[in-house]
Every structure is written in structure tokens, then in C-alpha cells.
N, C-alpha and C. Protein backbone atom coordinates (compact mmCIF):
# COMPACT_ATOMS: atom_id res chain seq x y z
N MET A 1 14.97 -13.16 115.69
CA MET A 1 15.76 -13.08 114.36
C MET A 1 17.04 -12.45 114.63
N LEU A 2 16.84 -11.39 115.48
CA LEU A 2 18.37 -10.75 115.64
C LEU A 2 19.22 -11.59 116.54
N TYR A 3 18.65 -12.32 117.50
CA TYR A 3 19.47 -13.22 118.11
C TYR A 3 20.23 -14.42 117.41
N LEU A 4 19.49 -14.90 116.38
CA LEU A 4 20.42 -15.78 115.32
C LEU A 4 21.43 -15.10 114.67
N HIS A 5 21.20 -13.77 114.32
CA HIS A 5 22.22 -13.04 113.51
C HIS A 5 23.47 -12.92 114.42
N ASN A 6 23.21 -12.67 115.60
CA ASN A 6 24.37 -12.49 116.58
C ASN A 6 25.17 -13.83 116.85
N ILE A 7 24.50 -15.09 116.78
CA ILE A 7 25.01 -16.03 117.04
C ILE A 7 26.22 -16.48 115.83
N PHE A 8 25.54 -16.36 114.61
CA PHE A 8 26.16 -16.56 113.45
C PHE A 8 27.49 -15.52 113.35
N ASN A 9 27.49 -14.56 113.86
CA ASN A 9 28.54 -13.40 113.56
C ASN A 9 29.45 -13.82 114.71
N ASN A 10 29.30 -14.52 115.75
CA ASN A 10 30.10 -14.51 117.06
C ASN A 10 31.48 -15.31 116.39
N HIS A 11 32.35 -15.06 117.01
CA HIS A 11 33.73 -15.65 116.46
C HIS A 11 33.91 -17.07 117.05
N TYR A 12 33.35 -17.33 118.30
CA TYR A 12 33.22 -18.65 118.92
C TYR A 12 32.58 -19.62 117.83
N PHE A 13 31.54 -18.98 117.34
CA PHE A 13 30.63 -20.06 116.70
C PHE A 13 31.56 -20.41 115.30
N VAL A 14 32.39 -19.73 114.75
CA VAL A 14 33.05 -20.01 113.62
C VAL A 14 34.17 -21.13 114.28
N ILE A 15 34.81 -21.02 115.27
CA ILE A 15 35.49 -22.19 115.94
C ILE A 15 34.55 -23.26 116.09
N LEU A 16 33.62 -23.17 116.59
CA LEU A 16 32.84 -24.30 116.73
C LEU A 16 32.53 -25.15 115.49
N VAL A 17 31.95 -24.26 114.55
CA VAL A 17 31.80 -24.85 113.21
C VAL A 17 32.94 -25.88 112.61
N CYS A 18 34.40 -25.07 112.86
CA CYS A 18 35.41 -25.82 112.48
C CYS A 18 35.79 -27.11 113.15
N ILE A 19 35.45 -27.06 114.56
CA ILE A 19 35.81 -28.30 115.08
C ILE A 19 34.75 -29.27 114.82
N CYS A 20 33.49 -28.78 114.36
CA CYS A 20 32.50 -29.84 114.18
C CYS A 20 32.74 -30.55 112.98
N PHE A 21 33.37 -29.61 111.79
CA PHE A 21 33.70 -30.05 110.42
C PHE A 21 34.99 -30.76 110.67
N SER A 22 35.82 -30.89 111.35
CA SER A 22 37.19 -31.56 111.44
C SER A 22 36.76 -32.89 112.15
N ILE A 23 36.05 -32.87 113.25
CA ILE A 23 35.32 -34.26 113.69
C ILE A 23 34.55 -34.97 112.63
N PHE A 24 33.76 -34.43 111.96
CA PHE A 24 32.90 -35.16 110.85
C PHE A 24 33.88 -35.53 109.86
N LEU A 25 34.75 -34.76 109.33
CA LEU A 25 35.77 -35.16 108.35
C LEU A 25 36.43 -36.44 108.65
N GLY A 26 36.95 -36.36 110.13
CA GLY A 26 37.79 -37.63 110.69
C GLY A 26 36.92 -38.78 110.68
N PHE A 27 35.68 -38.65 110.84
CA PHE A 27 34.97 -40.02 110.75
C PHE A 27 34.64 -40.36 109.50
N ILE A 28 34.58 -39.48 108.65
CA ILE A 28 34.21 -39.94 107.15
C ILE A 28 35.72 -40.67 106.60
N ILE A 29 36.88 -39.98 106.89
CA ILE A 29 37.91 -40.70 106.42
C ILE A 29 38.03 -41.87 106.99
N PHE A 30 37.87 -41.93 108.54
CA PHE A 30 37.88 -43.48 109.20
C PHE A 30 37.06 -44.44 108.51
N ILE A 31 35.88 -44.23 108.20
CA ILE A 31 34.97 -45.19 107.73
C ILE A 31 35.28 -45.49 106.19
N LEU A 32 35.76 -44.36 105.38
CA LEU A 32 36.21 -44.71 104.00
C LEU A 32 37.55 -45.73 104.00
N SER A 33 38.33 -45.30 104.72
CA SER A 33 39.61 -46.25 104.92
C SER A 33 39.29 -47.58 105.35
N TYR A 34 38.37 -47.62 106.19
CA TYR A 34 38.00 -49.13 106.83
C TYR A 34 37.31 -49.78 105.64
N CYS A 35 36.46 -49.13 104.85
CA CYS A 35 35.81 -49.77 103.90
C CYS A 35 36.53 -50.31 102.38
N PHE A 36 37.64 -49.54 102.16
CA PHE A 36 38.36 -49.82 101.08
C PHE A 36 39.88 -50.18 101.28
N ALA A 37 40.30 -50.31 102.57
CA ALA A 37 41.41 -50.76 102.91
C ALA A 37 41.80 -52.41 102.61
N ASN A 38 42.73 -52.87 102.58
CA ASN A 38 42.91 -54.47 102.38
C ASN A 38 42.77 -55.11 103.82
N GLN A 39 42.05 -55.84 104.13
CA GLN A 39 41.97 -56.15 105.54
C GLN A 39 42.33 -57.67 105.81
N VAL A 40 43.40 -58.10 105.03
CA VAL A 40 43.79 -59.60 104.91
C VAL A 40 45.29 -59.27 105.67
N PRO A 41 45.33 -59.71 107.07
CA PRO A 41 46.63 -59.77 107.77
C PRO A 41 47.50 -60.67 107.34
N ASP A 42 48.88 -60.56 107.08
CA ASP A 42 49.73 -61.59 107.05
C ASP A 42 50.62 -61.78 108.05
N SER A 43 51.48 -62.87 108.08
CA SER A 43 52.12 -63.32 109.35
C SER A 43 53.14 -62.19 109.79
N GLU A 44 53.57 -61.59 108.68
CA GLU A 44 54.65 -60.70 108.98
C GLU A 44 54.15 -59.40 110.00
N LYS A 45 53.02 -58.99 109.29
CA LYS A 45 52.22 -57.91 109.89
C LYS A 45 51.86 -58.14 111.45
N ILE A 46 51.51 -59.28 111.78
CA ILE A 46 50.78 -59.51 112.92
C ILE A 46 52.02 -60.19 113.84
N SER A 47 53.26 -60.06 113.44
CA SER A 47 54.46 -60.51 114.23
C SER A 47 54.55 -59.65 115.47
N ALA A 48 55.51 -59.97 116.34
CA ALA A 48 55.81 -59.01 117.54
C ALA A 48 56.08 -57.41 117.14
N TYR A 49 56.90 -57.42 116.09
CA TYR A 49 57.28 -56.19 115.68
C TYR A 49 57.27 -56.27 114.09
N GLU A 50 56.90 -55.31 113.44
CA GLU A 50 56.55 -54.98 112.20
C GLU A 50 58.00 -55.36 111.28
N CYS A 51 59.10 -55.07 112.11
CA CYS A 51 60.39 -55.16 111.40
C CYS A 51 60.59 -56.65 111.29
N GLY A 52 60.04 -57.64 112.13
CA GLY A 52 60.22 -58.79 111.99
C GLY A 52 61.12 -59.45 113.16
N PHE A 53 61.63 -58.53 114.12
CA PHE A 53 62.47 -59.18 115.17
C PHE A 53 61.48 -59.62 116.32
N GLU A 54 62.04 -60.39 116.98
CA GLU A 54 61.43 -61.00 118.41
C GLU A 54 61.91 -59.95 119.32
N PRO A 55 61.21 -59.79 120.41
CA PRO A 55 61.88 -58.99 121.60
C PRO A 55 62.97 -59.77 122.07
N PHE A 56 64.24 -58.64 122.20
CA PHE A 56 65.32 -59.35 123.05
C PHE A 56 65.22 -59.61 124.46
N GLU A 57 64.64 -58.83 125.01
CA GLU A 57 64.44 -58.68 126.56
C GLU A 57 63.19 -58.59 127.03
N ASP A 58 62.76 -58.89 128.45
CA ASP A 58 61.27 -58.21 128.79
C ASP A 58 61.09 -56.71 128.70
N ALA A 59 59.76 -56.71 128.63
CA ALA A 59 59.41 -55.24 128.37
C ALA A 59 59.42 -54.58 129.54
N ARG A 60 59.52 -55.38 130.74
CA ARG A 60 59.24 -54.57 132.08
C ARG A 60 60.60 -54.43 132.80
N ASN A 61 61.86 -54.44 131.82
CA ASN A 61 62.95 -54.13 132.44
C ASN A 61 62.84 -52.67 132.97
N LYS A 62 64.13 -52.42 133.65
CA LYS A 62 64.12 -50.77 134.25
C LYS A 62 64.54 -50.16 133.08
N PHE A 63 64.21 -48.88 132.86
CA PHE A 63 64.52 -47.97 131.84
C PHE A 63 65.39 -47.02 132.43
N ASP A 64 66.41 -46.47 131.49
CA ASP A 64 67.26 -45.63 132.12
C ASP A 64 66.70 -44.39 132.19
N VAL A 65 67.16 -43.62 133.21
CA VAL A 65 66.43 -42.38 133.48
C VAL A 65 66.97 -41.29 132.65
N ARG A 66 67.91 -41.35 131.88
CA ARG A 66 68.53 -40.41 131.17
C ARG A 66 67.48 -40.10 129.97
N PHE A 67 66.78 -41.12 129.54
CA PHE A 67 65.80 -40.87 128.39
C PHE A 67 64.85 -39.98 128.65
N TYR A 68 64.34 -40.18 130.15
CA TYR A 68 63.46 -39.09 130.56
C TYR A 68 64.01 -37.66 130.82
N ILE A 69 65.18 -37.76 131.16
CA ILE A 69 65.85 -36.42 131.40
C ILE A 69 65.90 -35.62 129.86
N VAL A 70 66.37 -36.24 129.04
CA VAL A 70 66.48 -35.77 127.62
C VAL A 70 64.97 -35.21 127.19
N ALA A 71 63.90 -36.17 127.24
CA ALA A 71 62.68 -35.93 126.93
C ALA A 71 62.30 -34.56 127.59
N ILE A 72 62.50 -34.21 128.85
CA ILE A 72 62.03 -33.28 129.87
C ILE A 72 62.74 -31.95 129.12
N LEU A 73 64.14 -32.16 128.99
CA LEU A 73 64.70 -30.89 128.37
C LEU A 73 64.20 -30.56 127.15
N PHE A 74 63.98 -31.74 126.31
CA PHE A 74 63.39 -31.29 124.77
C PHE A 74 61.85 -30.45 124.92
N ILE A 75 61.20 -30.78 126.08
CA ILE A 75 59.85 -30.04 126.09
C ILE A 75 60.19 -28.63 126.85
N ILE A 76 61.25 -28.57 127.41
CA ILE A 76 61.57 -27.06 127.87
C ILE A 76 61.87 -26.33 126.88
N PHE A 77 62.94 -26.79 126.20
CA PHE A 77 63.33 -26.14 125.06
C PHE A 77 62.28 -25.68 123.93
N ASP A 78 61.46 -26.70 123.73
CA ASP A 78 60.52 -26.56 122.82
C ASP A 78 59.44 -25.36 123.36
N ILE A 79 59.21 -25.49 124.55
CA ILE A 79 58.22 -24.43 125.05
C ILE A 79 59.06 -23.02 124.92
N GLU A 80 60.28 -23.08 124.99
CA GLU A 80 61.03 -21.76 124.82
C GLU A 80 60.56 -21.03 123.49
N VAL A 81 60.78 -22.16 122.50
CA VAL A 81 60.68 -21.63 121.07
C VAL A 81 59.18 -21.15 120.75
N VAL A 82 58.22 -21.83 121.44
CA VAL A 82 56.91 -21.35 121.32
C VAL A 82 56.79 -19.97 121.97
N TYR A 83 57.50 -19.53 123.01
CA TYR A 83 57.44 -18.33 123.39
C TYR A 83 58.09 -17.30 122.43
N LEU A 84 59.10 -17.79 121.85
CA LEU A 84 59.92 -16.77 121.06
C LEU A 84 59.15 -16.48 119.56
N PHE A 85 58.53 -17.33 119.05
CA PHE A 85 57.76 -16.83 117.86
C PHE A 85 56.67 -15.60 118.13
N PRO A 86 55.81 -15.69 119.02
CA PRO A 86 55.02 -14.54 119.14
C PRO A 86 55.71 -13.37 119.65
N TRP A 87 56.83 -13.51 120.48
CA TRP A 87 57.59 -12.33 121.00
C TRP A 87 58.20 -11.79 119.69
N SER A 88 58.74 -12.50 118.76
CA SER A 88 59.25 -11.64 117.57
C SER A 88 58.44 -11.05 116.73
N ILE A 89 57.01 -11.48 116.87
CA ILE A 89 56.17 -10.82 115.93
C ILE A 89 55.63 -9.70 116.51
N CYS A 90 55.45 -9.58 118.04
CA CYS A 90 54.79 -8.41 118.47
C CYS A 90 55.94 -7.51 119.12
N LEU A 91 57.05 -7.75 118.94
CA LEU A 91 58.29 -6.88 119.38
C LEU A 91 57.87 -5.42 119.29
N PRO A 92 57.67 -4.81 118.08
CA PRO A 92 57.41 -3.07 117.91
C PRO A 92 56.31 -2.94 119.10
N GLN A 93 55.38 -3.75 119.30
CA GLN A 93 54.08 -3.17 120.37
C GLN A 93 54.63 -3.30 121.66
N ILE A 94 55.33 -4.27 121.94
CA ILE A 94 55.73 -4.64 123.45
C ILE A 94 56.75 -3.75 123.91
N GLY A 95 57.61 -3.26 123.02
CA GLY A 95 58.66 -1.99 123.29
C GLY A 95 59.73 -2.47 124.24
N PHE A 96 60.30 -1.65 124.71
CA PHE A 96 61.58 -1.68 125.62
C PHE A 96 61.42 -2.79 126.60
N TYR A 97 60.47 -2.93 127.48
CA TYR A 97 60.19 -3.74 128.63
C TYR A 97 59.84 -5.20 128.03
N GLY A 98 59.19 -5.41 127.08
CA GLY A 98 59.12 -6.71 126.27
C GLY A 98 60.37 -7.39 126.00
N PHE A 99 61.18 -6.37 125.27
CA PHE A 99 62.33 -6.97 124.84
C PHE A 99 63.31 -7.47 126.02
N TRP A 100 63.37 -6.60 127.15
CA TRP A 100 64.26 -6.95 128.36
C TRP A 100 63.57 -8.12 129.15
N ALA A 101 62.35 -8.05 128.99
CA ALA A 101 61.77 -9.39 129.91
C ALA A 101 62.06 -10.57 129.05
N MET A 102 62.08 -10.81 127.81
CA MET A 102 62.53 -11.95 127.12
C MET A 102 63.97 -12.27 127.20
N ILE A 103 64.80 -11.10 127.13
CA ILE A 103 66.22 -11.39 127.48
C ILE A 103 66.49 -12.12 128.82
N VAL A 104 65.81 -11.73 130.02
CA VAL A 104 65.84 -12.13 131.07
C VAL A 104 65.52 -13.61 131.16
N PHE A 105 64.27 -14.02 130.47
CA PHE A 105 63.61 -15.51 130.09
C PHE A 105 64.80 -16.10 129.58
N LEU A 106 65.42 -15.67 128.54
CA LEU A 106 66.39 -16.52 128.02
C LEU A 106 67.79 -16.61 128.56
N ILE A 107 67.98 -15.55 129.43
CA ILE A 107 69.27 -15.73 130.33
C ILE A 107 68.89 -17.01 131.31
N ILE A 108 67.96 -17.00 131.96
CA ILE A 108 67.43 -18.10 133.01
C ILE A 108 67.59 -19.44 132.36
N LEU A 109 66.98 -19.55 131.19
CA LEU A 109 67.10 -20.78 130.50
C LEU A 109 68.66 -21.04 130.15
N THR A 110 69.31 -20.13 129.62
CA THR A 110 70.78 -20.45 129.17
C THR A 110 71.48 -20.84 130.52
N LEU A 111 71.25 -20.32 131.67
CA LEU A 111 71.82 -20.85 132.98
C LEU A 111 71.38 -22.00 133.28
N GLY A 112 70.25 -22.12 133.11
CA GLY A 112 69.61 -23.78 133.44
C GLY A 112 70.22 -24.77 132.51
N PHE A 113 70.53 -24.53 131.33
CA PHE A 113 71.21 -25.28 130.26
C PHE A 113 72.91 -25.82 130.72
N LEU A 114 73.50 -24.57 131.07
CA LEU A 114 74.77 -24.57 131.63
C LEU A 114 74.88 -25.40 132.88
N TYR A 115 73.85 -25.25 133.73
CA TYR A 115 74.00 -26.10 134.91
C TYR A 115 73.78 -27.55 134.53
N GLU A 116 73.11 -28.10 133.68
CA GLU A 116 72.69 -29.28 133.11
C GLU A 116 74.21 -29.85 132.55
N VAL A 117 75.01 -29.08 131.76
CA VAL A 117 76.11 -29.54 131.10
C VAL A 117 77.19 -29.36 132.34
N ILE A 118 77.30 -28.53 133.22
CA ILE A 118 78.25 -28.94 134.33
C ILE A 118 77.84 -30.02 135.02
N LYS A 119 76.60 -30.49 135.32
CA LYS A 119 76.43 -31.71 136.09
C LYS A 119 76.35 -32.83 135.20
N LYS A 120 76.62 -32.75 133.94
CA LYS A 120 76.90 -33.71 132.92
C LYS A 120 75.47 -34.67 132.89
N ALA A 121 74.41 -34.04 132.77
CA ALA A 121 73.21 -34.79 132.75
C ALA A 121 73.02 -35.20 131.51
N LEU A 122 73.64 -34.69 130.33
CA LEU A 122 73.47 -35.11 129.08
C LEU A 122 74.57 -36.12 128.48
N ASP A 123 75.60 -36.32 129.35
CA ASP A 123 76.67 -37.40 129.11
C ASP A 123 76.03 -38.90 129.12
N TRP A 124 76.39 -39.70 127.86
CA TRP A 124 75.79 -40.89 127.99
C TRP A 124 76.78 -41.88 128.20
N GLN A 125 78.01 -41.76 128.29
CA GLN A 125 79.17 -42.55 128.79
C GLN A 125 79.10 -43.86 128.04
């Protein structure tokens, strides 16, 4: 009996229950939407694009690499923001060393961004 008490008080058990509940709720919502949704497709909805336009070119054309560069830059600076939020919350606990470690991190990212601007990686011409 004590073993079951330890399992239910474990923090990971709470996470497992939340994951199981979200999976169960997702299946219920999917089944209900399938049962109650209108299942009659019209010609506009099953066309090539929902906007009604036919494709202008072949989908296998070469894609401009600048789109990938912008996407990678977005991911890099998005990760920077992910690091800034917890850092700003725990700044009183990490003290002087934590502050300057983040300043060095921000300087490195700023230098990388300036390098991209100097190399004109973001110019679309």
C-alpha cells in the first residue's frame, strides 16, 4: 500500500496523467468533429488550392535559398528569446556571473547579426 502511495505522490506521475488526459481529449475531439462535421466536399474545396487559383509553375522548381536563410535566422533569434525569459526571472539568484554570461551571449548574437547585415544576407534585391 505504501508503494502505491509513493507512485501517486511522484511528480512524474502527475505529468503522465496530464499526457494521458490530453491524448484522450484529443481523440474525443477528433471523433466528435468527424461525427458532427459536414462531410460534403464541394468543387471549390477540392480544387488545387482553396483560394481557387491553379498552380502557376511546377512545384519542383528550385527554391530561393534566401527563404531558408531567413528561416534559420528566425530560429536562432527565437531560441535567444527562449533563453532570455528564464534568465530574466532568475536574475537575482544567478547574480553577477549569470548577468555577464548572458551579456556575452547577447554580444555574440549581435556580432553574428551584424556579420549577416554586412554580408547582405538579408537583402532581397
